[in-house]
C-alpha cells in the first residue's frame, strides 16, 4: 500500500502520526525501518515529512497541547483529535517558513494555479501548467528541456541539425516534429502525443529498445519499464484553455485534479469517492467548480480556515 498513489491530505495525516510516534520515545528497529521506508515511498510523503521536519525545527518539537495527547496510546478520541489538529497545522504552515518544495531555483517555473507560455530561442513553444519547473539547455548539439516537476505542453520548431529532447527522472523523450504533453507523477512520467511522434528512452534500462509513441497515443513509464500504449484523451491539453474536462470521472480523482490548481486542501469523503462526475470545470476558480458539483450531484461542500481546507461529504 505504501507505493499506491495518495492525496496530499493523507500524506499529511500519516506524517502527523509519525511525528506523534517519534515524540513518544525511541522507535524499535522494525518501526524505524518502516518509518524510513515510508518517507521515501512517494513524492507526497516526502513533501509531507519535509513539512514535519520544518515544524520541529521551528517549534523545537510538538506544541505542548498536542504532545500530551501523543502519550495517550492506544488510539483514543483525544489522540485522534490531536492528530487531526497536527495534520492541519502541517497543511497551513506559512510558505515563508521554507516552502513546500525544497528544490533549487529552476530556469522557468509556475506557482500553484499559474500557467505560463514560453517561446524558446529556436521558436519552440512550451506551456507550463500549475506548479511546474523546467530547465532549458540549448547548445550546438541538442535542444534539451528538463522537467523537474509538474506538466508541460511542448510544440517544437523544426531544426534538422539539433534534436529536441525533454527529460525527466524516468527517461528522455525525443520529439519527431511534434506537439505533446509531459507530466511527472507518482515516480512515473506520463506522455500524450497530439501531433507527430515521440521516441522515448528509459533512464535506467538501456537494454529495452526506445518506444515510439505516435499522434493520438499515450503511455507512462518508470525509469526501468514502459506502461501500456493506449489511446490519448482528446482533452489532455484542456488545461491550456483553463478547463478541467471530466467524463464519468471518479469524484476522488476529480478532487485530486482540482487540488493541483488551488492552495489548501480538498478532502473527499470515502463514501462518495466513486461517484462519477462529468462536465467542464474552470481550473482558475475552484470555488465555482465546487459550486457546480453541488448543483449537479448529491455532494455537500464545507470549508474551514476561510476555505483553505474543504471537505466534500454526501448530501
Protein backbone atom coordinates (compact mmCIF):
# COMPACT_ATOMS: atom_id res chain seq x y z
CA UNK A 1 0.00 0.00 0.00
CA UNK A 2 2.92 2.32 0.61
CA UNK A 3 3.61 2.74 -3.12
CA UNK A 4 -0.01 3.47 -4.11
CA UNK A 5 -0.88 7.00 -5.23
CA UNK A 6 -2.38 9.07 -2.44
CA UNK A 7 -3.76 12.52 -1.77
CA UNK A 8 -1.53 15.13 -0.08
CA UNK A 9 -4.05 15.28 2.81
CA UNK A 10 -3.48 11.59 3.51
CA UNK A 11 0.29 12.09 3.42
CA UNK A 12 -0.01 14.93 5.95
CA UNK A 13 -2.11 12.76 8.25
CA UNK A 14 0.46 9.97 8.03
CA UNK A 15 3.28 12.46 8.71
CA UNK A 16 1.37 13.69 11.77
CA UNK A 17 1.09 10.10 13.03
CA UNK A 18 4.82 9.50 12.62
CA UNK A 19 5.61 12.81 14.30
CA UNK A 20 3.44 11.75 17.23
CA UNK A 21 5.13 8.35 17.44
CA UNK A 22 8.59 9.90 17.37
CA UNK A 23 7.63 12.27 20.19
CA UNK A 24 6.66 9.31 22.37
CA UNK A 25 10.20 7.96 22.53
CA UNK A 26 12.62 5.75 20.63
CA UNK A 27 11.25 3.58 17.85
CA UNK A 28 12.14 -0.09 17.66
CA UNK A 29 14.46 -1.19 14.84
CA UNK A 30 11.50 -2.52 12.84
CA UNK A 31 9.48 0.67 13.42
CA UNK A 32 12.42 2.83 12.37
CA UNK A 33 12.85 0.76 9.19
CA UNK A 34 9.13 1.19 8.49
CA UNK A 35 9.42 4.96 9.04
CA UNK A 36 12.45 5.24 6.74
CA UNK A 37 10.64 3.32 4.01
CA UNK A 38 7.50 5.44 4.45
CA UNK A 39 9.41 8.71 3.97
CA UNK A 40 10.74 7.71 0.55
CA UNK A 41 7.75 5.72 -0.74
CA UNK A 42 6.11 8.61 -2.65
CA UNK A 43 6.71 12.28 -3.53
CA UNK A 44 3.68 13.27 -1.41
CA UNK A 45 5.08 11.56 1.69
CA UNK A 46 8.49 13.09 1.09
CA UNK A 47 6.97 16.58 0.96
CA UNK A 48 4.75 15.94 3.98
CA UNK A 49 7.73 14.82 6.06
CA UNK A 50 9.70 17.89 4.93
CA UNK A 51 6.90 19.97 6.47
CA UNK A 52 7.03 17.88 9.65
CA UNK A 53 10.79 18.47 9.92
CA UNK A 54 10.26 22.18 9.36
CA UNK A 55 7.67 22.29 12.16
CA UNK A 56 10.07 20.50 14.51
CA UNK A 57 12.90 22.90 13.73
CA UNK A 58 10.72 25.97 14.24
CA UNK A 59 8.92 24.85 17.40
CA UNK A 60 11.54 22.53 18.87
CA UNK A 61 9.05 19.66 18.83
CA UNK A 62 5.29 19.28 19.08
CA UNK A 63 3.14 22.07 20.56
CA UNK A 64 2.61 21.18 24.27
CA UNK A 65 -1.15 20.61 23.93
CA UNK A 66 -0.55 18.06 21.17
CA UNK A 67 2.45 16.46 22.83
CA UNK A 68 0.29 15.47 25.83
CA UNK A 69 -2.19 13.73 23.56
CA UNK A 70 0.66 11.85 21.88
CA UNK A 71 1.19 9.91 25.12
CA UNK A 72 -2.36 8.56 25.03
CA UNK A 73 -1.97 5.21 23.30
CA UNK A 74 -3.68 3.12 22.08
CA UNK A 75 -5.74 5.49 19.98
CA UNK A 76 -8.40 7.49 21.78
CA UNK A 77 -10.79 10.21 20.68
CA UNK A 78 -8.44 12.81 22.19
CA UNK A 79 -5.45 11.42 20.35
CA UNK A 80 -7.36 11.26 17.05
CA UNK A 81 -8.41 14.87 17.50
CA UNK A 82 -4.80 15.85 18.23
CA UNK A 83 -3.64 14.08 15.08
CA UNK A 84 -6.21 15.99 13.05
CA UNK A 85 -5.04 19.29 14.52
CA UNK A 86 -1.41 18.41 13.83
CA UNK A 87 -2.15 17.47 10.20
CA UNK A 88 -3.99 20.76 9.79
CA UNK A 89 -1.05 22.63 11.34
CA UNK A 90 1.31 20.99 8.83
CA UNK A 91 -1.04 21.98 5.99
CA UNK A 92 -1.30 25.66 6.87
CA UNK A 93 2.32 26.32 7.88
CA UNK A 94 3.40 29.64 6.31
CA UNK A 95 5.15 29.15 2.99
CA UNK A 96 7.76 31.64 4.19
CA UNK A 97 8.96 29.07 6.71
CA UNK A 98 10.78 27.27 3.96
CA UNK A 99 8.29 26.39 1.29
CA UNK A 100 6.52 23.30 0.16
CA UNK A 101 9.14 22.47 -2.44
CA UNK A 102 12.74 22.06 -1.37
CA UNK A 103 14.29 22.50 -4.83
CA UNK A 104 16.81 24.85 -6.29
CA UNK A 105 15.60 27.69 -8.44
CA UNK A 106 14.66 26.47 -11.91
CA UNK A 107 15.14 28.41 -15.14
CA UNK A 108 11.37 28.77 -15.51
CA UNK A 109 8.58 27.89 -13.10
CA UNK A 110 4.95 28.48 -12.20
CA UNK A 111 3.21 28.75 -8.85
CA UNK A 112 0.15 26.75 -7.84
CA UNK A 113 -2.74 27.86 -10.05
CA UNK A 114 -0.48 29.67 -12.53
CA UNK A 115 0.26 28.86 -16.17
CA UNK A 116 2.94 30.33 -18.38
CA UNK A 117 3.78 30.16 -22.09
CA UNK A 118 7.37 30.47 -23.30
CA UNK A 119 8.81 30.92 -26.78
CA UNK A 120 12.30 29.41 -26.77
CA UNK A 121 15.30 30.63 -28.76
CA UNK A 122 14.58 28.23 -31.64
CA UNK A 123 10.92 29.22 -31.86
CA UNK A 124 9.60 26.18 -29.99
CA UNK A 125 6.76 26.84 -27.57
CA UNK A 126 6.48 25.46 -24.04
CA UNK A 127 3.40 25.95 -21.88
CA UNK A 128 3.93 25.31 -18.18
CA UNK A 129 0.96 24.07 -16.17
CA UNK A 130 0.39 24.75 -12.48
CA UNK A 131 3.24 24.10 -10.02
CA UNK A 132 5.81 23.29 -12.72
CA UNK A 133 9.56 23.84 -13.03
CA UNK A 134 11.87 23.34 -16.03
CA UNK A 135 15.46 23.96 -17.06
CA UNK A 136 16.41 24.77 -20.66
CA UNK A 137 19.80 23.80 -22.11
CA UNK A 138 20.39 24.60 -25.79
CA UNK A 139 23.79 24.11 -27.44
CA UNK A 140 25.17 23.27 -30.89
CA UNK A 141 24.37 19.55 -30.45
CA UNK A 142 20.89 19.48 -28.95
CA UNK A 143 17.90 21.34 -27.55
CA UNK A 144 17.14 19.98 -24.08
CA UNK A 145 14.29 20.82 -21.69
CA UNK A 146 14.47 19.12 -18.30
CA UNK A 147 11.14 18.82 -16.50
CA UNK A 148 11.90 18.95 -12.79
CA UNK A 149 8.28 18.62 -11.74
CA UNK A 150 4.80 19.37 -12.99
CA UNK A 151 3.42 19.32 -16.53
CA UNK A 152 4.23 20.94 -19.87
CA UNK A 153 2.77 21.18 -23.36
CA UNK A 154 5.52 21.21 -25.99
CA UNK A 155 5.24 22.38 -29.60
CA UNK A 156 8.59 22.06 -31.34
CA UNK A 157 10.10 24.18 -34.10
CA UNK A 158 11.96 22.46 -36.92
CA UNK A 159 15.76 22.25 -36.65
CA UNK A 160 17.32 19.48 -38.72
CA UNK A 161 20.73 19.81 -37.04
CA UNK A 162 19.66 19.54 -33.38
CA UNK A 163 17.20 17.08 -31.80
CA UNK A 164 14.62 18.45 -29.38
CA UNK A 165 14.66 16.47 -26.11
CA UNK A 166 12.57 16.53 -22.95
CA UNK A 167 14.00 14.70 -19.95
CA UNK A 168 12.59 13.65 -16.59
CA UNK A 169 13.99 11.44 -13.83
CA UNK A 170 12.41 8.47 -15.59
CA UNK A 171 13.73 8.94 -19.12
CA UNK A 172 14.29 11.05 -22.20
CA UNK A 173 11.82 11.90 -24.96
CA UNK A 174 12.93 12.97 -28.45
CA UNK A 175 10.40 14.95 -30.43
CA UNK A 176 9.92 13.83 -34.02
CA UNK A 177 8.28 17.03 -35.31
CA UNK A 178 5.52 17.11 -32.80
CA UNK A 179 3.18 18.52 -30.17
CA UNK A 180 2.84 16.62 -26.90
CA UNK A 181 2.25 16.85 -23.15
CA UNK A 182 4.55 15.52 -20.43
CA UNK A 183 3.68 15.17 -16.76
CA UNK A 184 5.73 13.67 -13.95
CA UNK A 185 3.52 11.98 -11.35
CA UNK A 186 3.95 9.26 -8.73
CA UNK A 187 7.52 8.46 -9.81
CA UNK A 188 6.38 7.92 -13.42
CA UNK A 189 6.35 10.11 -16.50
CA UNK A 190 3.05 10.43 -18.39
CA UNK A 191 3.31 11.24 -22.10
CA UNK A 192 0.48 12.03 -24.55
CA UNK A 193 1.24 12.84 -28.20
CA UNK A 194 -1.14 15.19 -30.02
CA UNK A 195 0.78 15.61 -33.30
CA UNK A 196 3.77 13.86 -34.85
CA UNK A 197 5.60 11.28 -32.73
CA UNK A 198 7.96 10.99 -29.75
CA UNK A 199 10.76 8.48 -29.18
CA UNK A 200 11.15 7.52 -25.51
CA UNK A 201 14.28 6.05 -23.88
CA UNK A 202 14.28 4.81 -20.28
CA UNK A 203 16.70 6.35 -17.77
CA UNK A 204 17.83 3.16 -16.04
CA UNK A 205 17.26 0.44 -18.64
CA UNK A 206 19.43 0.66 -21.74
CA UNK A 207 18.55 -2.95 -22.62
CA UNK A 208 14.98 -2.03 -23.57
CA UNK A 209 14.61 -0.54 -27.04
CA UNK A 210 13.18 3.00 -27.27
CA UNK A 211 9.42 3.24 -27.69
CA UNK A 212 7.83 5.30 -30.48
CA UNK A 213 4.60 6.99 -29.37
CA UNK A 214 2.57 8.36 -32.29
CA UNK A 215 -0.11 11.04 -32.54
CA UNK A 216 -3.25 10.07 -30.64
CA UNK A 217 -1.37 7.73 -28.31
CA UNK A 218 -0.27 7.93 -24.68
CA UNK A 219 1.90 5.94 -22.30
CA UNK A 220 3.55 6.21 -18.92
CA UNK A 221 6.91 4.87 -17.80
CA UNK A 222 9.21 4.46 -14.84
CA UNK A 223 12.99 4.59 -15.08
CA UNK A 224 13.01 0.84 -15.83
CA UNK A 225 9.80 -0.11 -17.65
CA UNK A 226 7.19 1.18 -20.08
CA UNK A 227 3.50 1.10 -19.32
CA UNK A 228 0.81 0.20 -21.83
CA UNK A 229 0.42 2.14 -25.07
CA UNK A 230 -3.14 3.50 -25.06
CA UNK A 231 -5.36 5.98 -26.88
CA UNK A 232 -4.72 9.52 -25.65
CA UNK A 233 -7.52 11.52 -24.07
CA UNK A 234 -8.60 14.16 -26.57
CA UNK A 235 -8.88 16.67 -23.71
CA UNK A 236 -5.41 16.07 -22.28
CA UNK A 237 -4.46 19.67 -23.06
CA UNK A 238 -7.73 21.22 -21.85
CA UNK A 239 -5.78 22.90 -19.01
CA UNK A 240 -4.20 25.21 -21.61
CA UNK A 241 -7.73 26.55 -22.19
CA UNK A 242 -8.39 26.93 -18.46
CA UNK A 243 -10.64 23.88 -18.16
CA UNK A 244 -10.74 20.52 -16.44
CA UNK A 245 -12.79 18.12 -18.57
CA UNK A 246 -14.42 15.26 -16.66
CA UNK A 247 -16.12 12.36 -18.42
CA UNK A 248 -17.55 9.96 -15.82
CA UNK A 249 -14.52 10.69 -13.65
CA UNK A 250 -14.40 9.35 -10.08
CA UNK A 251 -15.04 12.20 -7.66
CA UNK A 252 -11.85 11.33 -5.77
CA UNK A 253 -9.86 11.67 -9.00
CA UNK A 254 -11.64 14.93 -9.82
CA UNK A 255 -10.71 16.31 -6.41
CA UNK A 256 -7.07 15.28 -6.92
CA UNK A 257 -7.04 17.14 -10.24
CA UNK A 258 -8.64 20.30 -8.81
CA UNK A 259 -6.17 20.35 -5.91
CA UNK A 260 -3.36 20.92 -8.38
CA UNK A 261 -4.73 24.38 -9.14
CA UNK A 262 -5.51 25.75 -5.66
CA UNK A 263 -3.67 26.36 -2.43
CA UNK A 264 -5.01 24.46 0.51
CA UNK A 265 -6.62 21.04 0.58
CA UNK A 266 -9.82 19.38 -0.56
CA UNK A 267 -10.79 16.13 1.10
CA UNK A 268 -13.32 13.72 -0.37
CA UNK A 269 -15.38 11.53 1.98
CA UNK A 270 -14.70 7.87 1.03
CA UNK A 271 -18.47 7.31 0.89
CA UNK A 272 -18.67 9.38 -2.32
CA UNK A 273 -15.18 8.76 -3.70
CA UNK A 274 -16.52 6.57 -6.52
CA UNK A 275 -19.29 8.98 -7.56
CA UNK A 276 -18.92 9.61 -11.30
CA UNK A 277 -18.93 13.24 -12.45
CA UNK A 278 -18.91 14.83 -15.89
CA UNK A 279 -18.62 18.36 -17.20
CA UNK A 280 -16.28 21.24 -17.99
CA UNK A 281 -14.93 22.90 -14.85
CA UNK A 282 -12.84 26.10 -14.58
CA UNK A 283 -9.45 25.39 -13.02
CA UNK A 284 -8.83 29.05 -12.14
CA UNK A 285 -11.90 29.25 -9.89
CA UNK A 286 -12.10 26.21 -7.62
CA UNK A 287 -14.92 27.76 -5.57
CA UNK A 288 -17.06 27.98 -8.70
CA UNK A 289 -16.08 24.46 -9.79
CA UNK A 290 -17.08 23.02 -6.41
CA UNK A 291 -20.32 25.00 -6.58
CA UNK A 292 -21.08 23.36 -9.92
CA UNK A 293 -20.66 19.96 -8.25
CA UNK A 294 -23.13 20.84 -5.50
CA UNK A 295 -25.72 21.98 -8.05
CA UNK A 296 -25.50 18.76 -10.06
CA UNK A 297 -24.55 15.94 -7.68
CA UNK A 298 -25.52 14.79 -4.15
CA UNK A 299 -22.50 16.47 -2.58
CA UNK A 300 -22.11 18.92 0.33
CA UNK A 301 -19.07 21.23 0.45
CA UNK A 302 -17.93 22.55 3.82
CA UNK A 303 -14.94 24.83 4.33
CA UNK A 304 -12.62 25.65 7.20
CA UNK A 305 -9.89 28.27 7.68
CA UNK A 306 -11.53 30.62 5.17
CA UNK A 307 -11.77 27.90 2.56
CA UNK A 308 -8.18 26.68 2.91
CA UNK A 309 -9.40 23.23 3.99
CA UNK A 310 -12.51 21.94 2.18
CA UNK A 311 -14.39 18.70 2.74
CA UNK A 312 -16.77 17.03 0.28
CA UNK A 313 -19.44 14.90 2.01
CA UNK A 314 -22.54 13.01 0.83
CA UNK A 315 -25.71 15.11 0.74
